[in-house]
């Protein structure tokens, strides 16, 4: 009954499919997304062509380093639009270059503290290097983690939450010290091979520092003072008699208007804005053009707008704009 079925044979060479054009790259990327094999860390919540584009970028970034498409997907991630290699991917790229005499990484203990190291030597130039990254280095850089529970910003619910510490610096300190040492050592010794690509954890730490999230505990955040209201205009002249003098005294509880203090209050309030919508809300609360016009400082309206523009430029640069 099965005489017409070809016999299975062994042997032959296994060859990877390597795209030669952008269209072929995008075709492979779409197939990867459709199969569900696209790494979640790479595509996140992206769908359709957006997800395929993220996969294609990882494939092209890996191709520049000599990695095959599927190896690239296992080695690359994209953080804030910047491709980065996982720690073992960084080592893999250097080994595949054929320019390594030896490459060793590890972690030692000295004086009760851990020290990660990486030592390597080039076969083409004979250069060698050993780089260490110690527990003390990690502590100075603010990377060292010792708490089992930490406060984290929930970007979906826009609030701070206490969560178990899942930081790799808390769970795998020896490996992180060794990989950080390897990142520095290999980028210096094999810069021509890596082409400026950093390891995943270093890129992620840079991205988190640029975001500058407010991690004030919820209770303290609720008690944060609201921006002061603009001062009221002076009271009109008394109308009892023609000879009545204008009322010059401030209403109860009011103080003399201070231009410098008012502009400082605007700048301080805007410094706490996390995005452009926060900036507009705070700006509208102060109503600077109207207040400055009323107080006789119309010539300073442009200076107030400059404070707002400067804060918007800062937020734009932090978000990669």
C-alpha atoms as a PDB file:
ATOM      1  CA  UNK A   1       0.000   0.000   0.000  1.00  0.00           C
ATOM      2  CA  UNK A   2       2.890   2.358   0.722  1.00  0.00           C
ATOM      3  CA  UNK A   3       5.022   1.439  -2.274  1.00  0.00           C
ATOM      4  CA  UNK A   4       4.404   4.862  -3.857  1.00  0.00           C
ATOM      5  CA  UNK A   5       5.711   6.757  -0.778  1.00  0.00           C
ATOM      6  CA  UNK A   6       9.366   7.864  -1.201  1.00  0.00           C
ATOM      7  CA  UNK A   7      11.792   6.370   1.271  1.00  0.00           C
ATOM      8  CA  UNK A   8      13.277   8.637   3.968  1.00  0.00           C
ATOM      9  CA  UNK A   9      17.004   9.132   3.602  1.00  0.00           C
ATOM     10  CA  UNK A  10      19.602  10.645   5.932  1.00  0.00           C
ATOM     11  CA  UNK A  11      22.580  12.825   5.308  1.00  0.00           C
ATOM     12  CA  UNK A  12      22.949  16.128   3.508  1.00  0.00           C
ATOM     13  CA  UNK A  13      24.003  19.545   4.703  1.00  0.00           C
ATOM     14  CA  UNK A  14      21.751  21.787   6.792  1.00  0.00           C
ATOM     15  CA  UNK A  15      21.699  25.319   5.411  1.00  0.00           C
ATOM     16  CA  UNK A  16      20.032  28.376   6.952  1.00  0.00           C
ATOM     17  CA  UNK A  17      17.747  30.568   4.866  1.00  0.00           C
ATOM     18  CA  UNK A  18      19.568  33.897   4.593  1.00  0.00           C
ATOM     19  CA  UNK A  19      17.589  36.732   2.921  1.00  0.00           C
ATOM     20  CA  UNK A  20      19.408  38.771   0.284  1.00  0.00           C
ATOM     21  CA  UNK A  21      16.974  41.694  -0.094  1.00  0.00           C
ATOM     22  CA  UNK A  22      14.770  43.793   2.178  1.00  0.00           C
ATOM     23  CA  UNK A  23      11.641  42.188   0.685  1.00  0.00           C
ATOM     24  CA  UNK A  24      12.970  38.727   1.533  1.00  0.00           C
ATOM     25  CA  UNK A  25      13.822  39.904   5.057  1.00  0.00           C
ATOM     26  CA  UNK A  26      10.308  41.276   5.584  1.00  0.00           C
ATOM     27  CA  UNK A  27       8.816  38.049   4.204  1.00  0.00           C
ATOM     28  CA  UNK A  28      10.759  35.993   6.751  1.00  0.00           C
ATOM     29  CA  UNK A  29       9.800  38.450   9.507  1.00  0.00           C
ATOM     30  CA  UNK A  30       6.093  38.078   8.672  1.00  0.00           C
ATOM     31  CA  UNK A  31       6.404  34.286   8.704  1.00  0.00           C
ATOM     32  CA  UNK A  32       8.080  34.419  12.118  1.00  0.00           C
ATOM     33  CA  UNK A  33       5.290  36.628  13.516  1.00  0.00           C
ATOM     34  CA  UNK A  34       2.557  34.442  12.002  1.00  0.00           C
ATOM     35  CA  UNK A  35       4.118  31.320  13.536  1.00  0.00           C
ATOM     36  CA  UNK A  36       4.204  32.855  17.009  1.00  0.00           C
ATOM     37  CA  UNK A  37       7.987  32.450  17.251  1.00  0.00           C
ATOM     38  CA  UNK A  38       8.703  36.176  17.484  1.00  0.00           C
ATOM     39  CA  UNK A  39      10.245  36.859  20.933  1.00  0.00           C
ATOM     40  CA  UNK A  40       7.844  38.718  23.215  1.00  0.00           C
ATOM     41  CA  UNK A  41      10.694  40.964  24.410  1.00  0.00           C
ATOM     42  CA  UNK A  42      11.201  42.031  20.798  1.00  0.00           C
ATOM     43  CA  UNK A  43       7.646  42.673  19.559  1.00  0.00           C
ATOM     44  CA  UNK A  44       5.888  43.453  22.865  1.00  0.00           C
ATOM     45  CA  UNK A  45       2.299  44.515  22.089  1.00  0.00           C
ATOM     46  CA  UNK A  46       3.008  45.226  18.408  1.00  0.00           C
ATOM     47  CA  UNK A  47       0.872  43.511  15.788  1.00  0.00           C
ATOM     48  CA  UNK A  48       0.838  43.038  12.019  1.00  0.00           C
ATOM     49  CA  UNK A  49       3.440  44.922  10.002  1.00  0.00           C
ATOM     50  CA  UNK A  50       4.607  46.772  13.132  1.00  0.00           C
ATOM     51  CA  UNK A  51       5.636  43.466  14.722  1.00  0.00           C
ATOM     52  CA  UNK A  52       7.144  42.258  11.426  1.00  0.00           C
ATOM     53  CA  UNK A  53       9.177  45.470  11.199  1.00  0.00           C
ATOM     54  CA  UNK A  54      10.630  44.905  14.687  1.00  0.00           C
ATOM     55  CA  UNK A  55      11.605  41.353  13.712  1.00  0.00           C
ATOM     56  CA  UNK A  56      13.105  42.583  10.425  1.00  0.00           C
ATOM     57  CA  UNK A  57      15.244  45.151  12.271  1.00  0.00           C
ATOM     58  CA  UNK A  58      16.596  42.403  14.544  1.00  0.00           C
ATOM     59  CA  UNK A  59      17.372  40.184  11.538  1.00  0.00           C
ATOM     60  CA  UNK A  60      19.170  43.007   9.690  1.00  0.00           C
ATOM     61  CA  UNK A  61      21.102  44.046  12.809  1.00  0.00           C
ATOM     62  CA  UNK A  62      22.250  40.460  13.285  1.00  0.00           C
ATOM     63  CA  UNK A  63      23.208  40.116   9.604  1.00  0.00           C
ATOM     64  CA  UNK A  64      25.636  43.030   9.998  1.00  0.00           C
ATOM     65  CA  UNK A  65      27.367  41.019  12.733  1.00  0.00           C
ATOM     66  CA  UNK A  66      27.367  37.751  10.771  1.00  0.00           C
ATOM     67  CA  UNK A  67      24.407  36.112  12.524  1.00  0.00           C
ATOM     68  CA  UNK A  68      21.825  33.993  10.707  1.00  0.00           C
ATOM     69  CA  UNK A  69      18.173  35.187  10.903  1.00  0.00           C
ATOM     70  CA  UNK A  70      16.902  32.812  13.589  1.00  0.00           C
ATOM     71  CA  UNK A  71      20.100  33.197  15.626  1.00  0.00           C
ATOM     72  CA  UNK A  72      19.572  36.969  15.470  1.00  0.00           C
ATOM     73  CA  UNK A  73      16.073  36.599  16.921  1.00  0.00           C
ATOM     74  CA  UNK A  74      17.465  34.562  19.816  1.00  0.00           C
ATOM     75  CA  UNK A  75      20.319  37.030  20.397  1.00  0.00           C
ATOM     76  CA  UNK A  76      18.780  40.467  19.785  1.00  0.00           C
ATOM     77  CA  UNK A  77      16.235  42.631  21.519  1.00  0.00           C
ATOM     78  CA  UNK A  78      15.148  46.224  20.825  1.00  0.00           C
ATOM     79  CA  UNK A  79      14.933  48.712  23.711  1.00  0.00           C
ATOM     80  CA  UNK A  80      13.616  52.235  23.037  1.00  0.00           C
ATOM     81  CA  UNK A  81      14.319  51.705  19.355  1.00  0.00           C
ATOM     82  CA  UNK A  82      17.935  50.626  19.979  1.00  0.00           C
ATOM     83  CA  UNK A  83      19.039  47.071  19.097  1.00  0.00           C
ATOM     84  CA  UNK A  84      20.952  45.285  21.856  1.00  0.00           C
ATOM     85  CA  UNK A  85      22.481  41.825  22.305  1.00  0.00           C
ATOM     86  CA  UNK A  86      21.835  39.479  25.185  1.00  0.00           C
ATOM     87  CA  UNK A  87      24.984  38.729  27.189  1.00  0.00           C
ATOM     88  CA  UNK A  88      25.604  35.339  25.577  1.00  0.00           C
ATOM     89  CA  UNK A  89      24.819  36.833  22.145  1.00  0.00           C
ATOM     90  CA  UNK A  90      27.613  39.366  22.619  1.00  0.00           C
ATOM     91  CA  UNK A  91      30.079  36.569  23.355  1.00  0.00           C
ATOM     92  CA  UNK A  92      28.712  34.493  20.448  1.00  0.00           C
ATOM     93  CA  UNK A  93      29.299  37.278  17.916  1.00  0.00           C
ATOM     94  CA  UNK A  94      32.903  37.727  19.046  1.00  0.00           C
ATOM     95  CA  UNK A  95      33.627  33.981  18.943  1.00  0.00           C
ATOM     96  CA  UNK A  96      32.130  33.666  15.444  1.00  0.00           C
ATOM     97  CA  UNK A  97      34.398  36.425  14.135  1.00  0.00           C
ATOM     98  CA  UNK A  98      37.375  34.066  14.120  1.00  0.00           C
ATOM     99  CA  UNK A  99      39.544  36.730  15.764  1.00  0.00           C
ATOM    100  CA  UNK A 100      39.665  35.208  19.261  1.00  0.00           C
ATOM    101  CA  UNK A 101      42.595  33.288  20.711  1.00  0.00           C
ATOM    102  CA  UNK A 102      40.804  32.812  24.034  1.00  0.00           C
ATOM    103  CA  UNK A 103      37.831  34.319  25.864  1.00  0.00           C
ATOM    104  CA  UNK A 104      37.044  33.591  29.505  1.00  0.00           C
ATOM    105  CA  UNK A 105      34.430  35.043  31.861  1.00  0.00           C
ATOM    106  CA  UNK A 106      33.630  34.320  35.490  1.00  0.00           C
ATOM    107  CA  UNK A 107      33.106  35.638  38.991  1.00  0.00           C
ATOM    108  CA  UNK A 108      35.490  35.489  41.963  1.00  0.00           C
ATOM    109  CA  UNK A 109      35.151  36.352  45.645  1.00  0.00           C
ATOM    110  CA  UNK A 110      37.595  38.757  47.276  1.00  0.00           C
ATOM    111  CA  UNK A 111      37.335  40.047  50.791  1.00  0.00           C
ATOM    112  CA  UNK A 112      33.743  38.897  51.129  1.00  0.00           C
ATOM    113  CA  UNK A 113      32.608  40.652  47.913  1.00  0.00           C
ATOM    114  CA  UNK A 114      32.117  39.363  44.377  1.00  0.00           C
ATOM    115  CA  UNK A 115      34.167  40.450  41.363  1.00  0.00           C
ATOM    116  CA  UNK A 116      33.139  39.622  37.794  1.00  0.00           C
ATOM    117  CA  UNK A 117      35.861  39.394  35.152  1.00  0.00           C
ATOM    118  CA  UNK A 118      36.415  38.868  31.441  1.00  0.00           C
ATOM    119  CA  UNK A 119      39.744  38.221  29.781  1.00  0.00           C
ATOM    120  CA  UNK A 120      40.282  37.803  26.057  1.00  0.00           C
ATOM    121  CA  UNK A 121      42.977  37.924  23.390  1.00  0.00           C
ATOM    122  CA  UNK A 122      42.836  38.699  19.671  1.00  0.00           C
ATOM    123  CA  UNK A 123      44.389  36.187  17.303  1.00  0.00           C
ATOM    124  CA  UNK A 124      45.014  38.705  14.515  1.00  0.00           C
ATOM    125  CA  UNK A 125      46.806  41.461  16.453  1.00  0.00           C
ATOM    126  CA  UNK A 126      47.890  39.660  19.626  1.00  0.00           C
ATOM    127  CA  UNK A 127      46.213  42.263  21.854  1.00  0.00           C
ATOM    128  CA  UNK A 128      44.876  40.963  25.156  1.00  0.00           C
ATOM    129  CA  UNK A 129      42.761  42.513  27.889  1.00  0.00           C
ATOM    130  CA  UNK A 130      41.280  41.705  31.292  1.00  0.00           C
ATOM    131  CA  UNK A 131      38.419  43.798  32.675  1.00  0.00           C
ATOM    132  CA  UNK A 132      36.834  43.444  36.114  1.00  0.00           C
ATOM    133  CA  UNK A 133      33.477  44.713  37.370  1.00  0.00           C
ATOM    134  CA  UNK A 134      33.108  44.337  41.127  1.00  0.00           C
ATOM    135  CA  UNK A 135      30.222  44.379  43.560  1.00  0.00           C
ATOM    136  CA  UNK A 136      31.510  47.769  44.727  1.00  0.00           C
ATOM    137  CA  UNK A 137      31.311  49.051  41.117  1.00  0.00           C
ATOM    138  CA  UNK A 138      27.709  47.851  40.875  1.00  0.00           C
ATOM    139  CA  UNK A 139      26.838  49.534  44.172  1.00  0.00           C
ATOM    140  CA  UNK A 140      28.318  52.849  43.023  1.00  0.00           C
ATOM    141  CA  UNK A 141      26.378  52.623  39.766  1.00  0.00           C
ATOM    142  CA  UNK A 142      23.119  51.966  41.639  1.00  0.00           C
ATOM    143  CA  UNK A 143      22.750  48.492  40.106  1.00  0.00           C
ATOM    144  CA  UNK A 144      23.177  46.288  43.176  1.00  0.00           C
ATOM    145  CA  UNK A 145      19.887  44.872  44.474  1.00  0.00           C
ATOM    146  CA  UNK A 146      19.316  43.451  47.977  1.00  0.00           C
ATOM    147  CA  UNK A 147      15.570  43.985  48.603  1.00  0.00           C
ATOM    148  CA  UNK A 148      13.108  41.176  47.903  1.00  0.00           C
ATOM    149  CA  UNK A 149      10.246  43.662  47.334  1.00  0.00           C
ATOM    150  CA  UNK A 150      10.589  46.950  45.419  1.00  0.00           C
ATOM    151  CA  UNK A 151       8.331  49.815  44.315  1.00  0.00           C
ATOM    152  CA  UNK A 152       7.830  49.909  40.544  1.00  0.00           C
ATOM    153  CA  UNK A 153       5.998  52.267  38.217  1.00  0.00           C
ATOM    154  CA  UNK A 154       3.022  50.633  36.482  1.00  0.00           C
ATOM    155  CA  UNK A 155       2.879  52.443  33.140  1.00  0.00           C
ATOM    156  CA  UNK A 156      -0.516  50.948  32.278  1.00  0.00           C
ATOM    157  CA  UNK A 157      -2.305  51.982  35.496  1.00  0.00           C
ATOM    158  CA  UNK A 158       0.011  55.024  35.945  1.00  0.00           C
ATOM    159  CA  UNK A 159       0.763  54.371  39.594  1.00  0.00           C
ATOM    160  CA  UNK A 160       3.497  52.926  41.824  1.00  0.00           C
ATOM    161  CA  UNK A 161       3.131  49.345  43.052  1.00  0.00           C
ATOM    162  CA  UNK A 162       5.083  47.072  45.376  1.00  0.00           C
ATOM    163  CA  UNK A 163       6.216  43.964  43.509  1.00  0.00           C
ATOM    164  CA  UNK A 164       8.655  41.081  44.037  1.00  0.00           C
ATOM    165  CA  UNK A 165      12.117  42.069  42.887  1.00  0.00           C
ATOM    166  CA  UNK A 166      12.631  40.349  39.532  1.00  0.00           C
ATOM    167  CA  UNK A 167      15.783  42.285  38.694  1.00  0.00           C
ATOM    168  CA  UNK A 168      18.549  40.047  37.310  1.00  0.00           C
ATOM    169  CA  UNK A 169      20.960  41.919  39.593  1.00  0.00           C
ATOM    170  CA  UNK A 170      18.990  40.496  42.545  1.00  0.00           C
ATOM    171  CA  UNK A 171      18.471  36.985  41.145  1.00  0.00           C
ATOM    172  CA  UNK A 172      21.752  36.357  39.276  1.00  0.00           C
ATOM    173  CA  UNK A 173      24.409  38.715  40.706  1.00  0.00           C
ATOM    174  CA  UNK A 174      27.433  36.588  39.699  1.00  0.00           C
ATOM    175  CA  UNK A 175      26.323  36.309  36.077  1.00  0.00           C
ATOM    176  CA  UNK A 176      25.480  40.014  35.849  1.00  0.00           C
ATOM    177  CA  UNK A 177      28.903  41.017  37.177  1.00  0.00           C
ATOM    178  CA  UNK A 178      30.604  38.721  34.658  1.00  0.00           C
ATOM    179  CA  UNK A 179      28.469  39.927  31.746  1.00  0.00           C
ATOM    180  CA  UNK A 180      29.019  43.579  32.576  1.00  0.00           C
ATOM    181  CA  UNK A 181      32.777  42.964  32.642  1.00  0.00           C
ATOM    182  CA  UNK A 182      32.462  41.092  29.327  1.00  0.00           C
ATOM    183  CA  UNK A 183      30.517  43.973  27.768  1.00  0.00           C
ATOM    184  CA  UNK A 184      33.246  46.480  28.598  1.00  0.00           C
ATOM    185  CA  UNK A 185      36.108  44.144  27.680  1.00  0.00           C
ATOM    186  CA  UNK A 186      34.711  42.931  24.348  1.00  0.00           C
ATOM    187  CA  UNK A 187      33.582  46.364  23.147  1.00  0.00           C
ATOM    188  CA  UNK A 188      37.082  47.727  23.766  1.00  0.00           C
ATOM    189  CA  UNK A 189      39.012  44.773  22.360  1.00  0.00           C
ATOM    190  CA  UNK A 190      36.631  43.807  19.499  1.00  0.00           C
ATOM    191  CA  UNK A 191      35.023  47.142  18.667  1.00  0.00           C
ATOM    192  CA  UNK A 192      35.389  46.443  14.929  1.00  0.00           C
ATOM    193  CA  UNK A 193      33.408  43.202  15.330  1.00  0.00           C
ATOM    194  CA  UNK A 194      30.566  44.520  17.512  1.00  0.00           C
ATOM    195  CA  UNK A 195      30.101  47.826  15.725  1.00  0.00           C
ATOM    196  CA  UNK A 196      28.951  49.713  18.834  1.00  0.00           C
ATOM    197  CA  UNK A 197      26.278  47.188  19.890  1.00  0.00           C
ATOM    198  CA  UNK A 198      25.811  47.062  23.691  1.00  0.00           C
ATOM    199  CA  UNK A 199      24.502  44.258  25.855  1.00  0.00           C
ATOM    200  CA  UNK A 200      20.797  44.169  26.741  1.00  0.00           C
ATOM    201  CA  UNK A 201      21.099  45.007  30.437  1.00  0.00           C
ATOM    202  CA  UNK A 202      23.289  48.062  29.886  1.00  0.00           C
ATOM    203  CA  UNK A 203      20.918  49.456  27.226  1.00  0.00           C
ATOM    204  CA  UNK A 204      17.905  48.795  29.466  1.00  0.00           C
ATOM    205  CA  UNK A 205      19.557  50.608  32.390  1.00  0.00           C
ATOM    206  CA  UNK A 206      20.319  53.601  30.156  1.00  0.00           C
ATOM    207  CA  UNK A 207      16.696  53.673  28.960  1.00  0.00           C
ATOM    208  CA  UNK A 208      15.353  53.543  32.514  1.00  0.00           C
ATOM    209  CA  UNK A 209      17.661  56.373  33.584  1.00  0.00           C
ATOM    210  CA  UNK A 210      16.475  58.506  30.664  1.00  0.00           C
ATOM    211  CA  UNK A 211      12.819  57.959  31.576  1.00  0.00           C
ATOM    212  CA  UNK A 212      13.389  59.377  35.107  1.00  0.00           C
ATOM    213  CA  UNK A 213      10.137  57.945  36.441  1.00  0.00           C
ATOM    214  CA  UNK A 214       8.712  59.389  39.681  1.00  0.00           C
ATOM    215  CA  UNK A 215       8.963  56.571  42.256  1.00  0.00           C
ATOM    216  CA  UNK A 216       7.498  58.559  45.150  1.00  0.00           C
ATOM    217  CA  UNK A 217       5.334  56.197  47.293  1.00  0.00           C
ATOM    218  CA  UNK A 218       1.590  56.562  46.569  1.00  0.00           C
ATOM    219  CA  UNK A 219       0.798  58.104  49.982  1.00  0.00           C
ATOM    220  CA  UNK A 220       3.368  60.838  49.511  1.00  0.00           C
ATOM    221  CA  UNK A 221       2.281  61.416  45.908  1.00  0.00           C
ATOM    222  CA  UNK A 222      -1.302  62.034  47.031  1.00  0.00           C
ATOM    223  CA  UNK A 223      -0.097  64.754  49.441  1.00  0.00           C
ATOM    224  CA  UNK A 224       1.956  66.520  46.773  1.00  0.00           C
ATOM    225  CA  UNK A 225       1.133  70.254  46.879  1.00  0.00           C
ATOM    226  CA  UNK A 226      -0.888  71.622  43.985  1.00  0.00           C
ATOM    227  CA  UNK A 227       0.427  74.571  41.955  1.00  0.00           C
ATOM    228  CA  UNK A 228      -0.468  77.946  43.551  1.00  0.00           C
ATOM    229  CA  UNK A 229      -3.333  79.920  42.043  1.00  0.00           C
ATOM    230  CA  UNK A 230      -2.557  83.223  40.326  1.00  0.00           C
ATOM    231  CA  UNK A 231      -2.941  86.280  42.576  1.00  0.00           C
ATOM    232  CA  UNK A 232      -6.127  88.319  42.286  1.00  0.00           C
ATOM    233  CA  UNK A 233      -6.011  91.746  40.598  1.00  0.00           C
ATOM    234  CA  UNK A 234      -6.043  94.875  42.794  1.00  0.00           C
ATOM    235  CA  UNK A 235      -9.435  96.004  44.151  1.00  0.00           C
ATOM    236  CA  UNK A 236     -11.163  98.856  42.227  1.00  0.00           C
ATOM    237  CA  UNK A 237     -11.418 102.404  43.687  1.00  0.00           C
ATOM    238  CA  UNK A 238     -14.063 103.038  46.353  1.00  0.00           C
ATOM    239  CA  UNK A 239     -17.256 104.563  44.928  1.00  0.00           C
ATOM    240  CA  UNK A 240     -18.711 106.275  48.039  1.00  0.00           C
ATOM    241  CA  UNK A 241     -17.475 109.763  47.141  1.00  0.00           C
ATOM    242  CA  UNK A 242     -15.716 111.415  44.269  1.00  0.00           C
ATOM    243  CA  UNK A 243     -12.779 112.285  46.511  1.00  0.00           C
ATOM    244  CA  UNK A 244     -12.287 108.649  47.622  1.00  0.00           C
ATOM    245  CA  UNK A 245      -8.757 107.309  47.176  1.00  0.00           C
ATOM    246  CA  UNK A 246      -8.150 103.996  45.365  1.00  0.00           C
ATOM    247  CA  UNK A 247      -7.963 100.986  47.611  1.00  0.00           C
ATOM    248  CA  UNK A 248      -4.306  99.966  47.738  1.00  0.00           C
ATOM    249  CA  UNK A 249      -4.445  97.327  50.445  1.00  0.00           C
ATOM    250  CA  UNK A 250      -4.483  93.682  49.370  1.00  0.00           C
ATOM    251  CA  UNK A 251      -7.389  91.418  50.154  1.00  0.00           C
ATOM    252  CA  UNK A 252      -7.090  89.405  53.365  1.00  0.00           C
ATOM    253  CA  UNK A 253      -4.524  86.633  52.993  1.00  0.00           C
ATOM    254  CA  UNK A 254      -2.924  88.088  49.818  1.00  0.00           C
ATOM    255  CA  UNK A 255       0.724  89.062  49.540  1.00  0.00           C
ATOM    256  CA  UNK A 256       2.569  91.515  47.306  1.00  0.00           C
ATOM    257  CA  UNK A 257       3.096  90.077  43.792  1.00  0.00           C
ATOM    258  CA  UNK A 258       6.716  89.032  43.184  1.00  0.00           C
ATOM    259  CA  UNK A 259       7.672  88.496  39.550  1.00  0.00           C
ATOM    260  CA  UNK A 260      10.736  86.403  40.369  1.00  0.00           C
ATOM    261  CA  UNK A 261       8.869  84.137  42.781  1.00  0.00           C
ATOM    262  CA  UNK A 262       6.016  83.710  40.304  1.00  0.00           C
ATOM    263  CA  UNK A 263       8.337  82.613  37.479  1.00  0.00           C
ATOM    264  CA  UNK A 264      10.186  80.284  39.879  1.00  0.00           C
ATOM    265  CA  UNK A 265       6.869  78.690  40.855  1.00  0.00           C
ATOM    266  CA  UNK A 266       6.037  78.069  37.196  1.00  0.00           C
ATOM    267  CA  UNK A 267       9.448  76.483  36.538  1.00  0.00           C
ATOM    268  CA  UNK A 268       9.255  74.291  39.669  1.00  0.00           C
ATOM    269  CA  UNK A 269       5.768  73.056  38.807  1.00  0.00           C
ATOM    270  CA  UNK A 270       6.712  72.298  35.186  1.00  0.00           C
ATOM    271  CA  UNK A 271       9.790  70.358  36.356  1.00  0.00           C
ATOM    272  CA  UNK A 272       7.417  67.791  37.869  1.00  0.00           C
ATOM    273  CA  UNK A 273       5.559  67.257  34.564  1.00  0.00           C
ATOM    274  CA  UNK A 274       6.006  63.760  33.123  1.00  0.00           C
ATOM    275  CA  UNK A 275       4.655  64.413  29.637  1.00  0.00           C
ATOM    276  CA  UNK A 276       3.344  67.147  27.352  1.00  0.00           C
ATOM    277  CA  UNK A 277      -0.233  66.869  28.655  1.00  0.00           C
ATOM    278  CA  UNK A 278       1.034  67.519  32.204  1.00  0.00           C
ATOM    279  CA  UNK A 279       2.899  70.587  30.933  1.00  0.00           C
ATOM    280  CA  UNK A 280      -0.233  72.004  29.290  1.00  0.00           C
ATOM    281  CA  UNK A 281      -2.356  71.360  32.381  1.00  0.00           C
ATOM    282  CA  UNK A 282       0.120  73.105  34.704  1.00  0.00           C
ATOM    283  CA  UNK A 283       0.565  75.967  32.248  1.00  0.00           C
ATOM    284  CA  UNK A 284      -3.211  76.502  32.068  1.00  0.00           C
ATOM    285  CA  UNK A 285      -3.453  76.484  35.875  1.00  0.00           C
ATOM    286  CA  UNK A 286      -0.963  79.348  36.127  1.00  0.00           C
ATOM    287  CA  UNK A 287      -2.492  81.331  33.206  1.00  0.00           C
ATOM    288  CA  UNK A 288       0.789  83.225  33.011  1.00  0.00           C
ATOM    289  CA  UNK A 289      -0.049  85.584  30.106  1.00  0.00           C
ATOM    290  CA  UNK A 290      -3.165  86.918  31.868  1.00  0.00           C
ATOM    291  CA  UNK A 291      -1.504  87.229  35.280  1.00  0.00           C
ATOM    292  CA  UNK A 292       1.600  88.989  33.970  1.00  0.00           C
ATOM    293  CA  UNK A 293      -0.546  91.367  31.902  1.00  0.00           C
ATOM    294  CA  UNK A 294      -2.690  92.186  34.941  1.00  0.00           C
ATOM    295  CA  UNK A 295       0.325  92.760  37.183  1.00  0.00           C
ATOM    296  CA  UNK A 296       1.967  95.116  34.702  1.00  0.00           C
ATOM    297  CA  UNK A 297       4.684  92.704  33.552  1.00  0.00           C
ATOM    298  CA  UNK A 298       3.535  92.085  29.974  1.00  0.00           C
ATOM    299  CA  UNK A 299       7.160  92.276  28.850  1.00  0.00           C
ATOM    300  CA  UNK A 300       7.877  89.048  30.789  1.00  0.00           C
ATOM    301  CA  UNK A 301       5.228  86.926  29.044  1.00  0.00           C
ATOM    302  CA  UNK A 302       7.837  85.802  26.518  1.00  0.00           C
ATOM    303  CA  UNK A 303      10.130  84.734  29.373  1.00  0.00           C
ATOM    304  CA  UNK A 304       7.331  82.607  30.844  1.00  0.00           C
ATOM    305  CA  UNK A 305       6.750  80.943  27.476  1.00  0.00           C
ATOM    306  CA  UNK A 306      10.497  80.225  27.300  1.00  0.00           C
ATOM    307  CA  UNK A 307      10.263  78.265  30.582  1.00  0.00           C
ATOM    308  CA  UNK A 308       7.447  76.154  29.125  1.00  0.00           C
ATOM    309  CA  UNK A 309       9.277  75.595  25.820  1.00  0.00           C
ATOM    310  CA  UNK A 310      12.442  74.524  27.652  1.00  0.00           C
ATOM    311  CA  UNK A 311      10.570  71.868  29.661  1.00  0.00           C
ATOM    312  CA  UNK A 312       8.861  70.518  26.508  1.00  0.00           C
ATOM    313  CA  UNK A 313      12.272  70.219  24.840  1.00  0.00           C
ATOM    314  CA  UNK A 314      13.605  68.277  27.860  1.00  0.00           C
ATOM    315  CA  UNK A 315      10.686  65.826  27.739  1.00  0.00           C
ATOM    316  CA  UNK A 316      11.102  65.415  23.992  1.00  0.00           C
ATOM    317  CA  UNK A 317      14.806  64.526  24.321  1.00  0.00           C
ATOM    318  CA  UNK A 318      14.081  62.030  27.139  1.00  0.00           C
ATOM    319  CA  UNK A 319      11.533  60.236  24.940  1.00  0.00           C
ATOM    320  CA  UNK A 320      13.904  60.024  21.999  1.00  0.00           C
ATOM    321  CA  UNK A 321      12.269  62.921  20.085  1.00  0.00           C
END
